[in-house]
Full PDB file with SEQRES, HELIX, SHEET, SSBOND, CRYST1, ORIGX, SCALE, CONECT and MASTER records, all heavy atoms in Angstrom:
SEQRES   1 A   35  LYS ARG PRO ARG ARG VAL MET ARG TRP LEU VAL PRO SER          
SEQRES   2 A   35  PHE LEU ALA VAL SER PHE ILE PRO ASP ILE LEU ILE GLY          
SEQRES   3 A   35  VAL THR THR GLY THR SER ASP GLY TRP                          
HELIX    1 AA1 PRO A    3  THR A   29  1                                  27    
CRYST1    1.000    1.000    1.000  90.00  90.00  90.00 P 1           1          
ORIGX1      1.000000  0.000000  0.000000        0.00000                         
ORIGX2      0.000000  1.000000  0.000000        0.00000                         
ORIGX3      0.000000  0.000000  1.000000        0.00000                         
SCALE1      1.000000  0.000000  0.000000        0.00000                         
SCALE2      0.000000  1.000000  0.000000        0.00000                         
SCALE3      0.000000  0.000000  1.000000        0.00000                         
ATOM      1  N   LYS A   1       0.828  -1.202   0.000  1.00  0.00           N  
ATOM      2  CA  LYS A   1       0.000   0.000   0.000  1.00  0.00           C  
ATOM      3  C   LYS A   1       0.865   1.255   0.000  1.00  0.00           C  
ATOM      4  O   LYS A   1       0.535   2.244  -0.636  1.00  0.00           O  
ATOM      5  CB  LYS A   1      -0.909   0.031   1.229  1.00  0.00           C  
ATOM      6  CG  LYS A   1      -2.068  -0.906   1.152  1.00  0.00           C  
ATOM      7  CD  LYS A   1      -2.950  -0.743   2.367  1.00  0.00           C  
ATOM      8  CE  LYS A   1      -4.107  -1.713   2.305  1.00  0.00           C  
ATOM      9  NZ  LYS A   1      -4.976  -1.610   3.478  1.00  0.00           N  
ATOM     10  N   ARG A   2       1.949   1.199   0.758  1.00  0.00           N  
ATOM     11  CA  ARG A   2       2.869   2.333   0.853  1.00  0.00           C  
ATOM     12  C   ARG A   2       4.289   1.857   0.556  1.00  0.00           C  
ATOM     13  O   ARG A   2       5.113   1.738   1.457  1.00  0.00           O  
ATOM     14  CB  ARG A   2       2.799   2.943   2.247  1.00  0.00           C  
ATOM     15  CG  ARG A   2       1.457   3.526   2.575  1.00  0.00           C  
ATOM     16  CD  ARG A   2       1.500   4.189   3.943  1.00  0.00           C  
ATOM     17  NE  ARG A   2       0.162   4.492   4.376  1.00  0.00           N  
ATOM     18  CZ  ARG A   2      -0.433   3.918   5.405  1.00  0.00           C  
ATOM     19  NH1 ARG A   2       0.195   3.033   6.127  1.00  0.00           N  
ATOM     20  NH2 ARG A   2      -1.648   4.253   5.735  1.00  0.00           N  
ATOM     21  N   PRO A   3       4.598   1.595  -0.701  1.00  0.00           N  
ATOM     22  CA  PRO A   3       5.912   1.027  -1.016  1.00  0.00           C  
ATOM     23  C   PRO A   3       7.089   1.902  -0.606  1.00  0.00           C  
ATOM     24  O   PRO A   3       8.127   1.388  -0.198  1.00  0.00           O  
ATOM     25  CB  PRO A   3       5.871   0.831  -2.531  1.00  0.00           C  
ATOM     26  CG  PRO A   3       4.713   1.597  -3.017  1.00  0.00           C  
ATOM     27  CD  PRO A   3       3.773   1.787  -1.892  1.00  0.00           C  
ATOM     28  N   ARG A   4       6.940   3.212  -0.685  1.00  0.00           N  
ATOM     29  CA  ARG A   4       8.046   4.083  -0.261  1.00  0.00           C  
ATOM     30  C   ARG A   4       8.335   3.909   1.217  1.00  0.00           C  
ATOM     31  O   ARG A   4       9.488   3.860   1.627  1.00  0.00           O  
ATOM     32  CB  ARG A   4       7.712   5.538  -0.540  1.00  0.00           C  
ATOM     33  CG  ARG A   4       7.695   5.875  -1.992  1.00  0.00           C  
ATOM     34  CD  ARG A   4       7.380   7.330  -2.171  1.00  0.00           C  
ATOM     35  NE  ARG A   4       7.065   7.592  -3.558  1.00  0.00           N  
ATOM     36  CZ  ARG A   4       6.458   8.675  -3.970  1.00  0.00           C  
ATOM     37  NH1 ARG A   4       6.113   9.608  -3.123  1.00  0.00           N  
ATOM     38  NH2 ARG A   4       6.209   8.830  -5.253  1.00  0.00           N  
ATOM     39  N   ARG A   5       7.286   3.832   1.982  1.00  0.00           N  
ATOM     40  CA  ARG A   5       7.438   3.649   3.429  1.00  0.00           C  
ATOM     41  C   ARG A   5       8.068   2.289   3.734  1.00  0.00           C  
ATOM     42  O   ARG A   5       8.923   2.170   4.605  1.00  0.00           O  
ATOM     43  CB  ARG A   5       6.077   3.775   4.097  1.00  0.00           C  
ATOM     44  CG  ARG A   5       6.140   3.841   5.570  1.00  0.00           C  
ATOM     45  CD  ARG A   5       4.774   4.150   6.122  1.00  0.00           C  
ATOM     46  NE  ARG A   5       4.868   4.354   7.546  1.00  0.00           N  
ATOM     47  CZ  ARG A   5       3.845   4.512   8.325  1.00  0.00           C  
ATOM     48  NH1 ARG A   5       2.625   4.505   7.816  1.00  0.00           N  
ATOM     49  NH2 ARG A   5       4.007   4.678   9.610  1.00  0.00           N  
ATOM     50  N   VAL A   6       7.641   1.268   3.020  1.00  0.00           N  
ATOM     51  CA  VAL A   6       8.215  -0.066   3.207  1.00  0.00           C  
ATOM     52  C   VAL A   6       9.705  -0.035   2.897  1.00  0.00           C  
ATOM     53  O   VAL A   6      10.526  -0.567   3.654  1.00  0.00           O  
ATOM     54  CB  VAL A   6       7.491  -1.114   2.328  1.00  0.00           C  
ATOM     55  CG1 VAL A   6       8.223  -2.438   2.340  1.00  0.00           C  
ATOM     56  CG2 VAL A   6       6.048  -1.292   2.786  1.00  0.00           C  
ATOM     57  N   MET A   7      10.072   0.603   1.805  1.00  0.00           N  
ATOM     58  CA  MET A   7      11.483   0.643   1.410  1.00  0.00           C  
ATOM     59  C   MET A   7      12.332   1.446   2.380  1.00  0.00           C  
ATOM     60  O   MET A   7      13.514   1.155   2.553  1.00  0.00           O  
ATOM     61  CB  MET A   7      11.637   1.213   0.007  1.00  0.00           C  
ATOM     62  CG  MET A   7      11.154   0.289  -1.062  1.00  0.00           C  
ATOM     63  SD  MET A   7      12.034  -1.284  -1.038  1.00  0.00           S  
ATOM     64  CE  MET A   7      11.281  -2.075  -2.421  1.00  0.00           C  
ATOM     65  N   ARG A   8      11.734   2.444   3.037  1.00  0.00           N  
ATOM     66  CA  ARG A   8      12.496   3.249   3.996  1.00  0.00           C  
ATOM     67  C   ARG A   8      13.003   2.429   5.172  1.00  0.00           C  
ATOM     68  O   ARG A   8      14.003   2.778   5.774  1.00  0.00           O  
ATOM     69  CB  ARG A   8      11.658   4.430   4.491  1.00  0.00           C  
ATOM     70  CG  ARG A   8      11.774   5.646   3.613  1.00  0.00           C  
ATOM     71  CD  ARG A   8      11.247   6.891   4.302  1.00  0.00           C  
ATOM     72  NE  ARG A   8       9.841   6.828   4.611  1.00  0.00           N  
ATOM     73  CZ  ARG A   8       8.875   7.277   3.825  1.00  0.00           C  
ATOM     74  NH1 ARG A   8       9.176   7.821   2.669  1.00  0.00           N  
ATOM     75  NH2 ARG A   8       7.617   7.197   4.183  1.00  0.00           N  
ATOM     76  N   TRP A   9      12.311   1.368   5.541  1.00  0.00           N  
ATOM     77  CA  TRP A   9      12.835   0.520   6.626  1.00  0.00           C  
ATOM     78  C   TRP A   9      13.447  -0.769   6.089  1.00  0.00           C  
ATOM     79  O   TRP A   9      14.370  -1.316   6.693  1.00  0.00           O  
ATOM     80  CB  TRP A   9      11.772   0.209   7.687  1.00  0.00           C  
ATOM     81  CG  TRP A   9      10.627  -0.633   7.216  1.00  0.00           C  
ATOM     82  CD1 TRP A   9       9.412  -0.208   6.781  1.00  0.00           C  
ATOM     83  CD2 TRP A   9      10.590  -2.063   7.123  1.00  0.00           C  
ATOM     84  NE1 TRP A   9       8.638  -1.272   6.409  1.00  0.00           N  
ATOM     85  CE2 TRP A   9       9.330  -2.433   6.616  1.00  0.00           C  
ATOM     86  CE3 TRP A   9      11.503  -3.075   7.416  1.00  0.00           C  
ATOM     87  CZ2 TRP A   9       8.964  -3.757   6.398  1.00  0.00           C  
ATOM     88  CZ3 TRP A   9      11.127  -4.392   7.197  1.00  0.00           C  
ATOM     89  CH2 TRP A   9       9.870  -4.706   6.698  1.00  0.00           C  
ATOM     90  N   LEU A  10      12.978  -1.249   4.949  1.00  0.00           N  
ATOM     91  CA  LEU A  10      13.472  -2.524   4.430  1.00  0.00           C  
ATOM     92  C   LEU A  10      14.907  -2.428   3.902  1.00  0.00           C  
ATOM     93  O   LEU A  10      15.739  -3.294   4.190  1.00  0.00           O  
ATOM     94  CB  LEU A  10      12.535  -3.037   3.325  1.00  0.00           C  
ATOM     95  CG  LEU A  10      12.817  -4.438   2.802  1.00  0.00           C  
ATOM     96  CD1 LEU A  10      12.658  -5.467   3.912  1.00  0.00           C  
ATOM     97  CD2 LEU A  10      11.880  -4.760   1.644  1.00  0.00           C  
ATOM     98  N   VAL A  11      15.211  -1.397   3.170  1.00  0.00           N  
ATOM     99  CA  VAL A  11      16.552  -1.259   2.588  1.00  0.00           C  
ATOM    100  C   VAL A  11      17.620  -1.150   3.677  1.00  0.00           C  
ATOM    101  O   VAL A  11      18.602  -1.902   3.650  1.00  0.00           O  
ATOM    102  CB  VAL A  11      16.604  -0.079   1.591  1.00  0.00           C  
ATOM    103  CG1 VAL A  11      18.032   0.208   1.176  1.00  0.00           C  
ATOM    104  CG2 VAL A  11      15.740  -0.383   0.379  1.00  0.00           C  
ATOM    105  N   PRO A  12      17.468  -0.259   4.665  1.00  0.00           N  
ATOM    106  CA  PRO A  12      18.480  -0.222   5.728  1.00  0.00           C  
ATOM    107  C   PRO A  12      18.551  -1.526   6.521  1.00  0.00           C  
ATOM    108  O   PRO A  12      19.637  -1.924   6.968  1.00  0.00           O  
ATOM    109  CB  PRO A  12      18.043   0.931   6.631  1.00  0.00           C  
ATOM    110  CG  PRO A  12      17.129   1.755   5.808  1.00  0.00           C  
ATOM    111  CD  PRO A  12      16.507   0.827   4.807  1.00  0.00           C  
ATOM    112  N   SER A  13      17.422  -2.198   6.662  1.00  0.00           N  
ATOM    113  CA  SER A  13      17.418  -3.482   7.376  1.00  0.00           C  
ATOM    114  C   SER A  13      18.227  -4.521   6.612  1.00  0.00           C  
ATOM    115  O   SER A  13      19.014  -5.267   7.206  1.00  0.00           O  
ATOM    116  CB  SER A  13      15.989  -3.987   7.579  1.00  0.00           C  
ATOM    117  OG  SER A  13      15.264  -3.085   8.373  1.00  0.00           O  
ATOM    118  N   PHE A  14      18.034  -4.590   5.309  1.00  0.00           N  
ATOM    119  CA  PHE A  14      18.810  -5.531   4.493  1.00  0.00           C  
ATOM    120  C   PHE A  14      20.302  -5.210   4.581  1.00  0.00           C  
ATOM    121  O   PHE A  14      21.131  -6.112   4.682  1.00  0.00           O  
ATOM    122  CB  PHE A  14      18.360  -5.481   3.026  1.00  0.00           C  
ATOM    123  CG  PHE A  14      17.362  -6.533   2.677  1.00  0.00           C  
ATOM    124  CD1 PHE A  14      16.040  -6.401   3.021  1.00  0.00           C  
ATOM    125  CD2 PHE A  14      17.763  -7.666   2.001  1.00  0.00           C  
ATOM    126  CE1 PHE A  14      15.117  -7.373   2.696  1.00  0.00           C  
ATOM    127  CE2 PHE A  14      16.849  -8.653   1.665  1.00  0.00           C  
ATOM    128  CZ  PHE A  14      15.523  -8.503   2.019  1.00  0.00           C  
ATOM    129  N   LEU A  15      20.633  -3.936   4.536  1.00  0.00           N  
ATOM    130  CA  LEU A  15      22.032  -3.549   4.622  1.00  0.00           C  
ATOM    131  C   LEU A  15      22.618  -3.953   5.970  1.00  0.00           C  
ATOM    132  O   LEU A  15      23.714  -4.515   6.029  1.00  0.00           O  
ATOM    133  CB  LEU A  15      22.196  -2.048   4.395  1.00  0.00           C  
ATOM    134  CG  LEU A  15      23.625  -1.524   4.383  1.00  0.00           C  
ATOM    135  CD1 LEU A  15      24.445  -2.183   3.284  1.00  0.00           C  
ATOM    136  CD2 LEU A  15      23.632  -0.011   4.225  1.00  0.00           C  
ATOM    137  N   ALA A  16      21.882  -3.696   7.037  1.00  0.00           N  
ATOM    138  CA  ALA A  16      22.371  -4.064   8.374  1.00  0.00           C  
ATOM    139  C   ALA A  16      22.559  -5.574   8.493  1.00  0.00           C  
ATOM    140  O   ALA A  16      23.570  -6.040   9.039  1.00  0.00           O  
ATOM    141  CB  ALA A  16      21.398  -3.557   9.438  1.00  0.00           C  
ATOM    142  N   VAL A  17      21.626  -6.336   7.981  1.00  0.00           N  
ATOM    143  CA  VAL A  17      21.742  -7.800   8.035  1.00  0.00           C  
ATOM    144  C   VAL A  17      22.933  -8.277   7.203  1.00  0.00           C  
ATOM    145  O   VAL A  17      23.626  -9.226   7.589  1.00  0.00           O  
ATOM    146  CB  VAL A  17      20.420  -8.471   7.582  1.00  0.00           C  
ATOM    147  CG1 VAL A  17      20.591  -9.953   7.360  1.00  0.00           C  
ATOM    148  CG2 VAL A  17      19.324  -8.204   8.607  1.00  0.00           C  
ATOM    149  N   SER A  18      23.207  -7.598   6.099  1.00  0.00           N  
ATOM    150  CA  SER A  18      24.341  -8.004   5.263  1.00  0.00           C  
ATOM    151  C   SER A  18      25.674  -7.772   5.974  1.00  0.00           C  
ATOM    152  O   SER A  18      26.680  -8.390   5.616  1.00  0.00           O  
ATOM    153  CB  SER A  18      24.324  -7.264   3.921  1.00  0.00           C  
ATOM    154  OG  SER A  18      24.810  -5.945   4.042  1.00  0.00           O  
ATOM    155  N   PHE A  19      25.689  -6.894   6.962  1.00  0.00           N  
ATOM    156  CA  PHE A  19      26.914  -6.637   7.726  1.00  0.00           C  
ATOM    157  C   PHE A  19      27.221  -7.734   8.747  1.00  0.00           C  
ATOM    158  O   PHE A  19      28.361  -7.843   9.198  1.00  0.00           O  
ATOM    159  CB  PHE A  19      26.827  -5.313   8.471  1.00  0.00           C  
ATOM    160  CG  PHE A  19      26.947  -4.096   7.599  1.00  0.00           C  
ATOM    161  CD1 PHE A  19      26.555  -2.861   8.077  1.00  0.00           C  
ATOM    162  CD2 PHE A  19      27.462  -4.162   6.314  1.00  0.00           C  
ATOM    163  CE1 PHE A  19      26.668  -1.722   7.303  1.00  0.00           C  
ATOM    164  CE2 PHE A  19      27.575  -3.030   5.525  1.00  0.00           C  
ATOM    165  CZ  PHE A  19      27.176  -1.802   6.018  1.00  0.00           C  
ATOM    166  N   ILE A  20      26.240  -8.514   9.133  1.00  0.00           N  
ATOM    167  CA  ILE A  20      26.437  -9.506  10.202  1.00  0.00           C  
ATOM    168  C   ILE A  20      27.578 -10.472   9.890  1.00  0.00           C  
ATOM    169  O   ILE A  20      28.473 -10.646  10.725  1.00  0.00           O  
ATOM    170  CB  ILE A  20      25.116 -10.229  10.527  1.00  0.00           C  
ATOM    171  CG1 ILE A  20      24.141  -9.248  11.172  1.00  0.00           C  
ATOM    172  CG2 ILE A  20      25.370 -11.438  11.441  1.00  0.00           C  
ATOM    173  CD1 ILE A  20      22.734  -9.784  11.359  1.00  0.00           C  
ATOM    174  N   PRO A  21      27.618 -11.117   8.714  1.00  0.00           N  
ATOM    175  CA  PRO A  21      28.744 -12.014   8.449  1.00  0.00           C  
ATOM    176  C   PRO A  21      30.093 -11.295   8.446  1.00  0.00           C  
ATOM    177  O   PRO A  21      31.095 -11.852   8.896  1.00  0.00           O  
ATOM    178  CB  PRO A  21      28.448 -12.600   7.063  1.00  0.00           C  
ATOM    179  CG  PRO A  21      27.004 -12.349   6.828  1.00  0.00           C  
ATOM    180  CD  PRO A  21      26.640 -11.146   7.629  1.00  0.00           C  
ATOM    181  N   ASP A  22      30.097 -10.053   7.980  1.00  0.00           N  
ATOM    182  CA  ASP A  22      31.345  -9.289   7.941  1.00  0.00           C  
ATOM    183  C   ASP A  22      31.841  -8.991   9.355  1.00  0.00           C  
ATOM    184  O   ASP A  22      33.038  -9.112   9.650  1.00  0.00           O  
ATOM    185  CB  ASP A  22      31.149  -7.989   7.166  1.00  0.00           C  
ATOM    186  CG  ASP A  22      30.590  -8.223   5.775  1.00  0.00           C  
ATOM    187  OD1 ASP A  22      30.835  -9.317   5.221  1.00  0.00           O  
ATOM    188  OD2 ASP A  22      29.918  -7.332   5.247  1.00  0.00           O  
ATOM    189  N   ILE A  23      30.935  -8.600  10.206  1.00  0.00           N  
ATOM    190  CA  ILE A  23      31.301  -8.336  11.602  1.00  0.00           C  
ATOM    191  C   ILE A  23      31.795  -9.612  12.266  1.00  0.00           C  
ATOM    192  O   ILE A  23      32.780  -9.596  13.025  1.00  0.00           O  
ATOM    193  CB  ILE A  23      30.107  -7.720  12.362  1.00  0.00           C  
ATOM    194  CG1 ILE A  23      29.827  -6.314  11.811  1.00  0.00           C  
ATOM    195  CG2 ILE A  23      30.372  -7.680  13.860  1.00  0.00           C  
ATOM    196  CD1 ILE A  23      28.526  -5.706  12.272  1.00  0.00           C  
ATOM    197  N   LEU A  24      31.147 -10.722  11.976  1.00  0.00           N  
ATOM    198  CA  LEU A  24      31.591 -12.005  12.547  1.00  0.00           C  
ATOM    199  C   LEU A  24      32.997 -12.353  12.069  1.00  0.00           C  
ATOM    200  O   LEU A  24      33.790 -12.910  12.842  1.00  0.00           O  
ATOM    201  CB  LEU A  24      30.611 -13.119  12.187  1.00  0.00           C  
ATOM    202  CG  LEU A  24      29.253 -13.030  12.871  1.00  0.00           C  
ATOM    203  CD1 LEU A  24      28.314 -14.118  12.349  1.00  0.00           C  
ATOM    204  CD2 LEU A  24      29.396 -13.131  14.377  1.00  0.00           C  
ATOM    205  N   ILE A  25      33.316 -12.014  10.835  1.00  0.00           N  
ATOM    206  CA  ILE A  25      34.677 -12.243  10.330  1.00  0.00           C  
ATOM    207  C   ILE A  25      35.672 -11.435  11.162  1.00  0.00           C  
ATOM    208  O   ILE A  25      36.695 -11.944  11.602  1.00  0.00           O  
ATOM    209  CB  ILE A  25      34.785 -11.882   8.832  1.00  0.00           C  
ATOM    210  CG1 ILE A  25      34.072 -12.924   7.984  1.00  0.00           C  
ATOM    211  CG2 ILE A  25      36.249 -11.738   8.412  1.00  0.00           C  
ATOM    212  CD1 ILE A  25      33.915 -12.552   6.527  1.00  0.00           C  
ATOM    213  N   GLY A  26      35.351 -10.169  11.374  1.00  0.00           N  
ATOM    214  CA  GLY A  26      36.239  -9.324  12.162  1.00  0.00           C  
ATOM    215  C   GLY A  26      36.393  -9.812  13.583  1.00  0.00           C  
ATOM    216  O   GLY A  26      37.492  -9.831  14.140  1.00  0.00           O  
ATOM    217  N   VAL A  27      35.278 -10.247  14.191  1.00  0.00           N  
ATOM    218  CA  VAL A  27      35.316 -10.714  15.582  1.00  0.00           C  
ATOM    219  C   VAL A  27      36.077 -12.029  15.702  1.00  0.00           C  
ATOM    220  O   VAL A  27      36.909 -12.195  16.593  1.00  0.00           O  
ATOM    221  CB  VAL A  27      33.880 -10.861  16.139  1.00  0.00           C  
ATOM    222  CG1 VAL A  27      33.866 -11.593  17.463  1.00  0.00           C  
ATOM    223  CG2 VAL A  27      33.226  -9.490  16.274  1.00  0.00           C  
ATOM    224  N   THR A  28      35.804 -12.963  14.810  1.00  0.00           N  
ATOM    225  CA  THR A  28      36.432 -14.283  14.944  1.00  0.00           C  
ATOM    226  C   THR A  28      37.918 -14.258  14.620  1.00  0.00           C  
ATOM    227  O   THR A  28      38.677 -15.020  15.220  1.00  0.00           O  
ATOM    228  CB  THR A  28      35.742 -15.334  14.046  1.00  0.00           C  
ATOM    229  OG1 THR A  28      35.758 -14.882  12.690  1.00  0.00           O  
ATOM    230  CG2 THR A  28      34.310 -15.571  14.493  1.00  0.00           C  
ATOM    231  N   THR A  29      38.333 -13.396  13.704  1.00  0.00           N  
ATOM    232  CA  THR A  29      39.775 -13.322  13.434  1.00  0.00           C  
ATOM    233  C   THR A  29      40.485 -12.544  14.525  1.00  0.00           C  
ATOM    234  O   THR A  29      41.603 -12.886  14.891  1.00  0.00           O  
ATOM    235  CB  THR A  29      40.075 -12.661  12.070  1.00  0.00           C  
ATOM    236  OG1 THR A  29      39.529 -11.347  12.069  1.00  0.00           O  
ATOM    237  CG2 THR A  29      39.522 -13.473  10.930  1.00  0.00           C  
ATOM    238  N   GLY A  30      39.831 -11.518  15.028  1.00  0.00           N  
ATOM    239  CA  GLY A  30      40.403 -10.736  16.120  1.00  0.00           C  
ATOM    240  C   GLY A  30      41.661  -9.979  15.749  1.00  0.00           C  
ATOM    241  O   GLY A  30      42.397  -9.533  16.621  1.00  0.00           O  
ATOM    242  N   THR A  31      41.919  -9.822  14.471  1.00  0.00           N  
ATOM    243  CA  THR A  31      43.118  -9.100  14.037  1.00  0.00           C  
ATOM    244  C   THR A  31      42.710  -7.898  13.201  1.00  0.00           C  
ATOM    245  O   THR A  31      41.588  -7.818  12.702  1.00  0.00           O  
ATOM    246  CB  THR A  31      44.030 -10.006  13.181  1.00  0.00           C  
ATOM    247  OG1 THR A  31      43.341 -10.344  11.976  1.00  0.00           O  
ATOM    248  CG2 THR A  31      44.419 -11.271  13.931  1.00  0.00           C  
ATOM    249  N   SER A  32      43.662  -6.991  13.019  1.00  0.00           N  
ATOM    250  CA  SER A  32      43.378  -5.829  12.179  1.00  0.00           C  
ATOM    251  C   SER A  32      43.189  -6.251  10.725  1.00  0.00           C  
ATOM    252  O   SER A  32      42.425  -5.642   9.987  1.00  0.00           O  
ATOM    253  CB  SER A  32      44.495  -4.794  12.296  1.00  0.00           C  
ATOM    254  OG  SER A  32      45.728  -5.356  11.909  1.00  0.00           O  
ATOM    255  N   ASP A  33      43.868  -7.345  10.311  1.00  0.00           N  
ATOM    256  CA  ASP A  33      43.683  -7.840   8.943  1.00  0.00           C  
ATOM    257  C   ASP A  33      42.263  -8.341   8.732  1.00  0.00           C  
ATOM    258  O   ASP A  33      41.668  -8.128   7.668  1.00  0.00           O  
ATOM    259  CB  ASP A  33      44.671  -8.976   8.642  1.00  0.00           C  
ATOM    260  CG  ASP A  33      46.110  -8.482   8.544  1.00  0.00           C  
ATOM    261  OD1 ASP A  33      46.299  -7.264   8.362  1.00  0.00           O  
ATOM    262  OD2 ASP A  33      47.018  -9.312   8.658  1.00  0.00           O  
ATOM    263  N   GLY A  34      41.717  -9.018   9.732  1.00  0.00           N  
ATOM    264  CA  GLY A  34      40.342  -9.504   9.642  1.00  0.00           C  
ATOM    265  C   GLY A  34      39.341  -8.363   9.560  1.00  0.00           C  
ATOM    266  O   GLY A  34      38.379  -8.414   8.800  1.00  0.00           O  
ATOM    267  N   TRP A  35      39.584  -7.309  10.343  1.00  0.00           N  
ATOM    268  CA  TRP A  35      38.690  -6.157  10.310  1.00  0.00           C  
ATOM    269  C   TRP A  35      38.843  -5.372   9.011  1.00  0.00           C  
ATOM    270  O   TRP A  35      37.876  -4.806   8.501  1.00  0.00           O  
ATOM    271  CB  TRP A  35      38.914  -5.261  11.521  1.00  0.00           C  
ATOM    272  CG  TRP A  35      38.271  -5.822  12.746  1.00  0.00           C  
ATOM    273  CD1 TRP A  35      38.886  -6.392  13.818  1.00  0.00           C  
ATOM    274  CD2 TRP A  35      36.867  -5.910  13.005  1.00  0.00           C  
ATOM    275  NE1 TRP A  35      37.950  -6.826  14.734  1.00  0.00           N  
ATOM    276  CE2 TRP A  35      36.707  -6.534  14.263  1.00  0.00           C  
ATOM    277  CE3 TRP A  35      35.722  -5.528  12.302  1.00  0.00           C  
ATOM    278  CZ2 TRP A  35      35.454  -6.781  14.826  1.00  0.00           C  
ATOM    279  CZ3 TRP A  35      34.477  -5.772  12.864  1.00  0.00           C  
ATOM    280  CH2 TRP A  35      34.345  -6.384  14.105  1.00  0.00           C  
TER     281      TRP A  35                                                      
MASTER        0    0    0    1    0    0    0    6  280    1    0    3          
END                                                                             
């Protein structure tokens, strides 16, 4: 019904979720190279 409104929260949510594996890489390696 309100696609613009849906996209305003969905797009940032997808981006935030896409960061999770990257953050886990940084945390599990624990080195500056991993980050």
